[in-house]
């Protein structure tokens, strides 16, 4: 019998500093891929967007 768990497959670095109650990773597949709870998809996308915005380059004038 298979015990299936619905989740989301993403590729990114994990945030090990989160408190245990906020952890959303179901399984670490390798150092950059993880299987997470599906309800965190929007939060992950938002954090990635914030990271990209903070790390954009503007050529000096």
Protein backbone atom coordinates (compact mmCIF):
# COMPACT_ATOMS: atom_id res chain seq x y z
CA UNK A 1 0.00 0.00 0.00
CA UNK A 2 1.27 3.46 -0.90
CA UNK A 3 0.79 6.36 1.49
CA UNK A 4 0.53 9.30 -0.94
CA UNK A 5 1.00 12.88 0.24
CA UNK A 6 -0.01 15.80 -1.93
CA UNK A 7 2.78 18.34 -2.20
CA UNK A 8 4.71 20.71 -4.41
CA UNK A 9 8.11 20.09 -6.01
CA UNK A 10 10.37 23.16 -6.08
CA UNK A 11 14.02 23.90 -6.61
CA UNK A 12 15.64 26.40 -4.25
CA UNK A 13 17.76 26.64 -1.13
CA UNK A 14 15.98 25.76 2.10
CA UNK A 15 15.47 28.07 5.05
CA UNK A 16 16.66 26.01 8.01
CA UNK A 17 16.27 28.97 10.37
CA UNK A 18 12.45 28.75 10.48
CA UNK A 19 10.83 27.74 13.78
CA UNK A 20 9.61 24.13 13.87
CA UNK A 21 5.97 25.23 13.83
CA UNK A 22 6.48 27.08 10.52
CA UNK A 23 8.45 24.41 8.68
CA UNK A 24 6.81 23.42 5.42
CA UNK A 25 9.32 21.01 3.88
CA UNK A 26 7.97 17.47 3.65
CA UNK A 27 11.16 15.90 2.27
CA UNK A 28 14.59 17.15 1.17
CA UNK A 29 15.40 15.38 -2.10
CA UNK A 30 18.90 16.84 -2.46
CA UNK A 31 20.62 20.11 -1.39
CA UNK A 32 18.59 22.25 -3.82
CA UNK A 33 15.31 20.35 -4.35
CA UNK A 34 12.53 19.72 -1.87
CA UNK A 35 8.97 18.48 -1.64
CA UNK A 36 6.82 20.95 0.32
CA UNK A 37 3.28 21.34 1.58
CA UNK A 38 1.09 22.77 -1.22
CA UNK A 39 -0.31 25.67 0.83
CA UNK A 40 3.09 27.45 0.84
CA UNK A 41 3.33 27.90 -2.95
CA UNK A 42 2.18 31.55 -2.90
CA UNK A 43 4.49 32.39 0.01
CA UNK A 44 7.47 30.86 -1.80
CA UNK A 45 6.68 32.73 -5.02
CA UNK A 46 6.33 35.98 -3.05
CA UNK A 47 9.69 35.49 -1.29
CA UNK A 48 11.40 34.70 -4.59
CA UNK A 49 9.91 37.85 -6.12
CA UNK A 50 11.10 39.96 -3.16
CA UNK A 51 14.58 38.43 -3.46
CA UNK A 52 14.75 39.22 -7.18
CA UNK A 53 13.60 42.80 -6.58
CA UNK A 54 16.27 43.33 -3.92
CA UNK A 55 18.99 41.86 -6.10
CA UNK A 56 18.39 43.73 -9.32
CA UNK A 57 21.22 45.62 -10.98
CA UNK A 58 20.92 49.12 -12.31
CA UNK A 59 23.70 50.48 -14.44
CA UNK A 60 25.16 53.66 -12.92
CA UNK A 61 24.43 56.81 -14.90
